[in-house]
N, C-alpha and C. Protein backbone atom coordinates (compact mmCIF):
# COMPACT_ATOMS: atom_id res chain seq x y z
N MET A 1 0.89 -6.65 10.51
CA MET A 1 0.13 -5.42 10.58
C MET A 1 0.29 -4.49 11.69
N ILE A 2 0.29 -3.31 11.40
CA ILE A 2 0.76 -2.11 12.55
C ILE A 2 -0.56 -1.15 12.43
N VAL A 3 -0.51 -0.60 13.54
CA VAL A 3 -1.44 0.58 13.89
C VAL A 3 -0.95 1.72 13.36
N VAL A 4 -1.70 2.62 12.58
CA VAL A 4 -1.07 3.80 12.10
C VAL A 4 -2.00 4.75 12.53
N LYS A 5 -1.53 5.92 13.36
CA LYS A 5 -2.11 6.86 13.95
C LYS A 5 -2.93 7.71 12.86
N THR A 6 -4.18 8.08 12.94
CA THR A 6 -4.86 8.75 12.04
C THR A 6 -5.68 10.04 12.54
N LEU A 7 -5.41 11.13 11.92
CA LEU A 7 -6.06 12.13 12.42
C LEU A 7 -7.16 12.60 11.54
N THR A 8 -8.53 12.94 11.98
CA THR A 8 -9.60 13.18 11.06
C THR A 8 -10.13 14.72 11.71
N GLY A 9 -10.98 15.31 10.93
CA GLY A 9 -11.59 16.41 11.36
C GLY A 9 -12.43 17.17 10.03
N VAL A 10 -13.09 18.18 10.37
CA VAL A 10 -14.03 18.66 9.27
C VAL A 10 -13.57 20.34 9.13
N HIS A 11 -13.25 20.66 8.13
CA HIS A 11 -13.00 22.18 7.92
C HIS A 11 -13.97 22.48 6.78
N ASP A 12 -14.49 23.77 6.92
CA ASP A 12 -15.41 24.04 5.93
C ASP A 12 -16.44 23.20 5.50
N GLY A 13 -17.08 22.40 6.24
CA GLY A 13 -17.99 21.25 5.93
C GLY A 13 -17.46 20.32 5.19
N ARG A 14 -15.84 20.24 5.02
CA ARG A 14 -15.59 18.76 4.44
C ARG A 14 -14.72 18.27 5.28
N PHE A 15 -14.95 16.94 5.11
CA PHE A 15 -14.18 16.01 6.13
C PHE A 15 -12.64 15.71 5.61
N TRP A 16 -11.74 15.81 6.47
CA TRP A 16 -10.26 15.49 6.16
C TRP A 16 -9.74 14.52 6.88
N GLN A 17 -8.74 13.76 6.48
CA GLN A 17 -8.07 12.69 7.02
C GLN A 17 -6.65 12.65 6.85
N THR A 18 -5.77 12.32 7.67
CA THR A 18 -4.32 12.37 7.50
C THR A 18 -3.76 11.27 8.12
N GLN A 19 -2.78 10.17 7.88
CA GLN A 19 -2.25 9.22 8.53
C GLN A 19 -0.67 9.69 8.77
N ASN A 20 -0.27 9.17 9.92
CA ASN A 20 0.97 9.62 10.23
C ASN A 20 1.79 8.32 10.09
N LEU A 21 2.70 8.50 8.84
CA LEU A 21 3.52 7.38 8.43
C LEU A 21 4.87 7.46 8.71
N ARG A 22 5.22 8.75 9.10
CA ARG A 22 6.69 9.03 9.56
C ARG A 22 7.48 7.93 10.20
N PRO A 23 6.85 7.21 11.16
CA PRO A 23 7.71 6.58 11.96
C PRO A 23 7.95 5.18 11.18
N TYR A 24 7.55 4.94 10.10
CA TYR A 24 7.72 3.78 9.34
C TYR A 24 8.37 4.08 7.99
N ILE A 25 7.84 5.40 7.29
CA ILE A 25 8.33 5.52 6.12
C ILE A 25 8.68 7.05 6.03
N PRO A 26 9.81 7.55 5.86
CA PRO A 26 10.12 9.03 5.73
C PRO A 26 9.47 9.90 4.62
N ASP A 27 9.28 11.10 4.90
CA ASP A 27 8.80 11.72 3.72
C ASP A 27 9.43 13.02 3.61
N ASP A 28 10.99 13.04 4.08
CA ASP A 28 11.59 14.13 3.71
C ASP A 28 12.11 14.21 2.23
N GLU A 29 12.62 15.25 1.68
CA GLU A 29 12.82 15.25 0.22
C GLU A 29 14.01 14.55 -0.16
N ARG A 30 14.93 14.19 0.72
CA ARG A 30 15.98 13.32 0.11
C ARG A 30 15.76 11.92 0.23
N LYS A 31 15.17 11.50 0.93
CA LYS A 31 14.59 9.99 0.74
C LYS A 31 13.36 9.63 0.02
N GLY A 32 12.34 10.43 0.53
CA GLY A 32 11.29 10.38 -0.18
C GLY A 32 10.23 9.41 0.15
N ARG A 33 8.87 9.52 -0.21
CA ARG A 33 8.03 8.54 0.01
C ARG A 33 7.32 8.36 -1.22
N GLY A 34 7.32 6.97 -1.56
CA GLY A 34 6.58 6.66 -2.78
C GLY A 34 4.95 6.36 -2.53
N HIS A 35 4.25 6.39 -3.60
CA HIS A 35 2.88 6.27 -3.43
C HIS A 35 2.46 5.37 -4.64
N ILE A 36 1.40 4.58 -4.57
CA ILE A 36 0.72 4.00 -5.44
C ILE A 36 -0.62 3.76 -5.34
N HIS A 37 -1.62 4.08 -6.21
CA HIS A 37 -2.93 3.83 -6.22
C HIS A 37 -3.44 2.82 -7.06
N LEU A 38 -3.92 1.86 -6.68
CA LEU A 38 -4.56 0.72 -7.42
C LEU A 38 -6.12 0.87 -7.50
N ASN A 39 -6.61 1.42 -8.68
CA ASN A 39 -7.75 1.69 -8.78
C ASN A 39 -8.71 0.36 -8.84
N ASN A 40 -9.59 0.32 -7.92
CA ASN A 40 -10.88 -0.81 -7.95
C ASN A 40 -10.35 -1.85 -8.55
N GLN A 41 -9.77 -2.51 -8.08
CA GLN A 41 -9.01 -3.75 -8.54
C GLN A 41 -9.97 -5.07 -8.68
N LEU A 42 -10.14 -5.93 -9.55
CA LEU A 42 -10.70 -7.21 -9.43
C LEU A 42 -10.08 -8.19 -8.58
N SER A 43 -10.46 -8.92 -8.01
CA SER A 43 -9.76 -9.89 -7.21
C SER A 43 -10.80 -11.36 -6.97
N MET A 44 -10.23 -12.29 -6.59
CA MET A 44 -10.86 -13.54 -6.52
C MET A 44 -11.02 -13.53 -4.97
N VAL A 45 -12.24 -13.55 -4.32
CA VAL A 45 -12.47 -13.69 -2.99
C VAL A 45 -13.44 -15.06 -2.66
N ARG A 46 -12.82 -15.79 -1.98
CA ARG A 46 -13.51 -17.28 -1.88
C ARG A 46 -14.37 -17.62 -3.24
N GLY A 47 -13.53 -17.57 -4.26
CA GLY A 47 -13.70 -18.33 -5.35
C GLY A 47 -14.64 -17.51 -6.20
N VAL A 48 -14.85 -16.20 -5.99
CA VAL A 48 -15.82 -15.36 -6.72
C VAL A 48 -14.97 -13.90 -7.31
N LEU A 49 -15.07 -13.83 -8.54
CA LEU A 49 -14.30 -12.56 -8.81
C LEU A 49 -15.06 -11.19 -8.57
N THR A 50 -14.59 -10.36 -7.68
CA THR A 50 -15.30 -9.26 -7.30
C THR A 50 -14.59 -8.00 -7.60
N SER A 51 -15.39 -7.01 -7.63
CA SER A 51 -14.64 -5.62 -7.88
C SER A 51 -14.31 -4.92 -6.45
N GLY A 52 -13.00 -4.96 -6.22
CA GLY A 52 -12.52 -4.53 -4.77
C GLY A 52 -12.44 -3.18 -4.57
N PRO A 53 -12.05 -2.83 -3.52
CA PRO A 53 -11.79 -1.42 -3.33
C PRO A 53 -10.55 -0.84 -3.75
N ASP A 54 -10.42 0.65 -3.86
CA ASP A 54 -9.16 1.00 -4.23
C ASP A 54 -8.21 0.74 -3.11
N ILE A 55 -6.71 0.60 -3.79
CA ILE A 55 -5.78 0.14 -2.43
C ILE A 55 -4.91 1.30 -2.67
N GLN A 56 -4.30 1.97 -1.50
CA GLN A 56 -3.24 2.76 -1.72
C GLN A 56 -1.99 2.10 -0.83
N ILE A 57 -0.97 2.15 -1.52
CA ILE A 57 0.37 1.55 -1.15
C ILE A 57 1.36 2.70 -0.83
N PHE A 58 2.02 2.83 0.31
CA PHE A 58 2.93 3.81 0.50
C PHE A 58 4.49 3.12 0.89
N PHE A 59 5.37 3.62 0.37
CA PHE A 59 6.70 2.84 0.65
C PHE A 59 7.97 4.00 0.57
N ARG A 60 9.11 3.50 0.88
CA ARG A 60 10.24 4.22 0.67
C ARG A 60 10.52 4.27 -0.79
N LYS A 61 10.69 5.75 -1.30
CA LYS A 61 10.77 5.95 -2.72
C LYS A 61 12.16 5.48 -3.35
N ASN A 62 13.25 5.31 -2.40
CA ASN A 62 14.54 5.13 -3.08
C ASN A 62 14.87 3.81 -2.37
N PHE A 63 14.07 2.63 -2.06
CA PHE A 63 14.29 1.39 -1.46
C PHE A 63 15.22 0.82 -2.15
N GLN A 64 15.55 0.83 -3.40
CA GLN A 64 16.37 -0.02 -4.09
C GLN A 64 17.75 0.54 -4.02
N GLU A 65 17.94 1.91 -3.63
CA GLU A 65 19.21 2.56 -3.41
C GLU A 65 19.75 2.73 -2.09
N ASP A 66 18.65 2.58 -1.11
CA ASP A 66 18.94 3.04 0.38
C ASP A 66 19.64 2.16 1.20
N GLY A 67 19.91 0.86 0.61
CA GLY A 67 20.54 -0.10 1.43
C GLY A 67 19.49 -1.06 2.28
N SER A 68 18.10 -0.76 1.98
CA SER A 68 17.06 -1.56 2.86
C SER A 68 17.12 -2.93 2.53
N LYS A 69 16.89 -3.79 3.23
CA LYS A 69 16.89 -5.23 3.09
C LYS A 69 15.61 -5.60 2.55
N HIS A 70 15.85 -6.60 1.72
CA HIS A 70 14.52 -7.08 0.80
C HIS A 70 13.29 -7.37 2.01
N ASN A 71 12.26 -6.88 1.67
CA ASN A 71 10.98 -7.12 2.25
C ASN A 71 10.63 -8.55 2.23
N SER A 72 10.78 -9.26 3.37
CA SER A 72 10.37 -10.79 3.30
C SER A 72 9.02 -11.05 3.45
N CYS A 73 8.09 -10.18 3.92
CA CYS A 73 6.72 -10.22 3.67
C CYS A 73 6.31 -10.43 2.33
N ILE A 74 6.92 -9.49 1.66
CA ILE A 74 6.40 -9.45 0.10
C ILE A 74 6.98 -10.58 -0.46
N GLN A 75 8.14 -11.20 -0.20
CA GLN A 75 8.65 -12.31 -0.68
C GLN A 75 7.75 -13.68 -0.43
N HIS A 76 7.62 -13.41 0.84
CA HIS A 76 6.68 -14.72 1.27
C HIS A 76 5.33 -14.68 0.61
N ILE A 77 4.61 -13.61 0.69
CA ILE A 77 3.11 -13.57 0.18
C ILE A 77 3.17 -13.92 -1.31
N THR A 78 4.22 -13.72 -2.04
CA THR A 78 4.29 -13.95 -3.57
C THR A 78 5.00 -15.08 -3.81
N ALA A 79 5.32 -15.99 -2.73
CA ALA A 79 6.10 -17.31 -2.96
C ALA A 79 7.45 -16.99 -3.92
N GLY A 80 8.06 -15.85 -3.49
CA GLY A 80 9.20 -15.63 -4.27
C GLY A 80 8.98 -15.01 -5.86
N LYS A 81 7.71 -14.99 -6.03
CA LYS A 81 7.59 -14.63 -7.60
C LYS A 81 7.60 -13.04 -7.89
N VAL A 82 8.00 -12.18 -6.93
CA VAL A 82 7.74 -10.97 -6.85
C VAL A 82 8.36 -10.39 -8.24
N ALA A 83 7.68 -9.48 -8.94
CA ALA A 83 8.35 -8.69 -10.19
C ALA A 83 9.31 -7.91 -9.87
N LEU A 84 9.45 -7.17 -8.72
CA LEU A 84 10.57 -6.19 -8.50
C LEU A 84 11.05 -6.53 -6.90
N PRO A 85 12.25 -6.58 -6.96
CA PRO A 85 12.85 -6.74 -5.54
C PRO A 85 12.44 -5.78 -4.38
N TRP A 86 11.33 -5.79 -3.85
CA TRP A 86 10.81 -4.79 -2.83
C TRP A 86 11.76 -4.61 -1.71
N ALA A 87 12.00 -3.62 -1.03
CA ALA A 87 12.90 -3.73 0.08
C ALA A 87 12.09 -2.54 1.10
N GLY A 88 12.35 -2.71 2.07
CA GLY A 88 12.13 -1.72 3.07
C GLY A 88 10.49 -2.14 3.50
N PRO A 89 9.89 -1.13 4.31
CA PRO A 89 8.50 -1.45 4.69
C PRO A 89 7.56 -0.99 3.63
N PHE A 90 6.42 -1.32 3.63
CA PHE A 90 5.32 -0.85 2.90
C PHE A 90 4.03 -0.82 3.83
N ILE A 91 3.15 0.19 3.44
CA ILE A 91 2.13 0.19 4.23
C ILE A 91 0.82 0.34 3.20
N ALA A 92 -0.07 -0.42 3.36
CA ALA A 92 -1.36 -0.47 2.31
C ALA A 92 -2.67 -0.34 3.13
N PHE A 93 -3.52 0.58 2.51
CA PHE A 93 -4.86 0.98 3.03
C PHE A 93 -5.74 0.64 1.87
N ARG A 94 -7.11 0.60 2.20
CA ARG A 94 -8.08 0.46 1.21
C ARG A 94 -8.70 2.03 1.22
N SER A 95 -9.18 2.52 0.24
CA SER A 95 -9.58 3.87 0.01
C SER A 95 -11.13 3.84 -0.80
N THR A 96 -11.70 4.92 -0.47
CA THR A 96 -12.87 5.38 -1.29
C THR A 96 -12.53 6.65 -2.13
N GLY A 97 -13.69 6.58 -3.26
CA GLY A 97 -13.45 7.48 -4.07
C GLY A 97 -13.42 8.95 -3.54
N ALA A 98 -13.94 9.12 -2.34
CA ALA A 98 -13.97 10.40 -1.38
C ALA A 98 -12.41 10.57 -0.68
N ASP A 99 -11.45 9.99 -0.81
CA ASP A 99 -10.17 10.04 -0.33
C ASP A 99 -10.02 9.80 1.11
N THR A 100 -11.05 8.88 1.24
CA THR A 100 -11.18 8.42 2.81
C THR A 100 -10.41 7.01 2.83
N ILE A 101 -9.48 7.04 3.84
CA ILE A 101 -8.61 5.64 3.90
C ILE A 101 -9.29 5.05 5.27
N PHE A 102 -9.11 3.57 4.83
CA PHE A 102 -9.39 2.57 5.90
C PHE A 102 -8.34 1.51 5.98
N ASN A 103 -8.51 0.56 7.26
CA ASN A 103 -7.65 -0.21 7.33
C ASN A 103 -7.75 -1.34 6.30
N ALA A 104 -6.65 -1.88 5.78
CA ALA A 104 -6.83 -3.19 4.61
C ALA A 104 -7.54 -4.17 5.36
N GLU A 105 -8.29 -4.95 4.56
CA GLU A 105 -8.86 -6.17 5.06
C GLU A 105 -8.02 -7.36 4.54
N LEU A 106 -7.37 -8.13 5.19
CA LEU A 106 -6.60 -9.06 4.83
C LEU A 106 -7.52 -10.12 3.91
N GLU A 107 -8.36 -10.43 4.24
CA GLU A 107 -9.08 -11.72 3.27
C GLU A 107 -9.60 -11.09 1.77
N GLU A 108 -9.72 -9.74 1.83
CA GLU A 108 -10.09 -9.12 0.51
C GLU A 108 -9.00 -8.34 -0.15
N ASP A 109 -8.11 -7.71 0.43
CA ASP A 109 -7.17 -6.74 0.10
C ASP A 109 -5.62 -7.63 -0.31
N LEU A 110 -5.45 -8.67 0.64
CA LEU A 110 -4.10 -9.32 0.29
C LEU A 110 -4.29 -10.06 -1.12
N PRO A 111 -5.07 -10.49 -1.63
CA PRO A 111 -5.11 -11.20 -2.92
C PRO A 111 -4.54 -10.09 -4.01
N ILE A 112 -5.29 -8.77 -3.75
CA ILE A 112 -5.00 -7.62 -4.61
C ILE A 112 -3.57 -7.30 -4.48
N LEU A 113 -2.99 -7.45 -3.29
CA LEU A 113 -1.55 -6.95 -3.10
C LEU A 113 -0.66 -7.79 -3.78
N ILE A 114 -1.00 -9.15 -3.60
CA ILE A 114 -0.18 -10.32 -4.24
C ILE A 114 -0.07 -10.19 -5.68
N GLU A 115 -1.26 -9.98 -6.24
CA GLU A 115 -1.58 -9.91 -7.76
C GLU A 115 -0.51 -8.70 -8.04
N TYR A 116 -0.71 -7.36 -7.62
CA TYR A 116 0.04 -6.42 -7.75
C TYR A 116 1.74 -6.72 -7.70
N PHE A 117 2.01 -7.13 -6.57
CA PHE A 117 3.57 -7.45 -6.47
C PHE A 117 3.97 -8.51 -7.25
N ASN A 118 3.22 -9.48 -7.87
CA ASN A 118 3.71 -10.41 -9.02
C ASN A 118 3.56 -9.72 -10.19
N SER A 119 3.02 -8.86 -10.44
CA SER A 119 2.77 -8.19 -11.76
C SER A 119 3.94 -7.60 -12.51
N GLN A 120 3.94 -7.42 -13.74
CA GLN A 120 5.18 -6.59 -14.29
C GLN A 120 4.64 -5.02 -14.24
N THR A 121 3.26 -4.91 -13.74
CA THR A 121 3.02 -3.38 -13.62
C THR A 121 3.44 -2.84 -12.19
N ALA A 122 3.92 -3.75 -11.43
CA ALA A 122 4.58 -3.26 -9.92
C ALA A 122 5.84 -2.64 -9.95
N THR A 123 5.68 -1.50 -10.45
CA THR A 123 6.66 -0.48 -10.52
C THR A 123 6.56 0.80 -9.43
N ARG A 124 7.61 1.14 -9.32
CA ARG A 124 7.60 2.18 -8.12
C ARG A 124 7.35 3.76 -8.71
N ARG A 125 6.89 4.44 -8.13
CA ARG A 125 6.64 5.92 -8.56
C ARG A 125 7.21 7.09 -7.77
C-alpha cells in the first residue's frame, strides 16, 4: 500500500478532488493511463454477501507492450489464476457516486479486486 497525495477544494459550491498518480503511473499521451470503474460490486466479507463500494483502478495503459515486469502482487493475491498477465503498478481506490475517492479498505475491497483480476472481464481500457 502506498500514500497518494490528494488535493481537495470547493469551487462554486462544488467539492472537487484529484489524486497525484504521476509518480506511479504516467499520464502522458504516449504511455497513457488506463482506468477501470467497478460499479458497486458484490463481495463476500466474513462469510456474508454484501454490496460493496465502487472501486476505481488506475494502471499503465500499455503495460503489456512497455516492457513492464509482471505484477507479483496481482499474481500473489490471485494465486496465479489471473485472467490477464497484468504488469507494472496499479492503484485502487474506493469511490462514491459523488466522485469522491477514498483509500481502499483491504478487508472489504481486496476480495473485490481478487475477483476482478481472476475474471474473464479483467480487460484493460
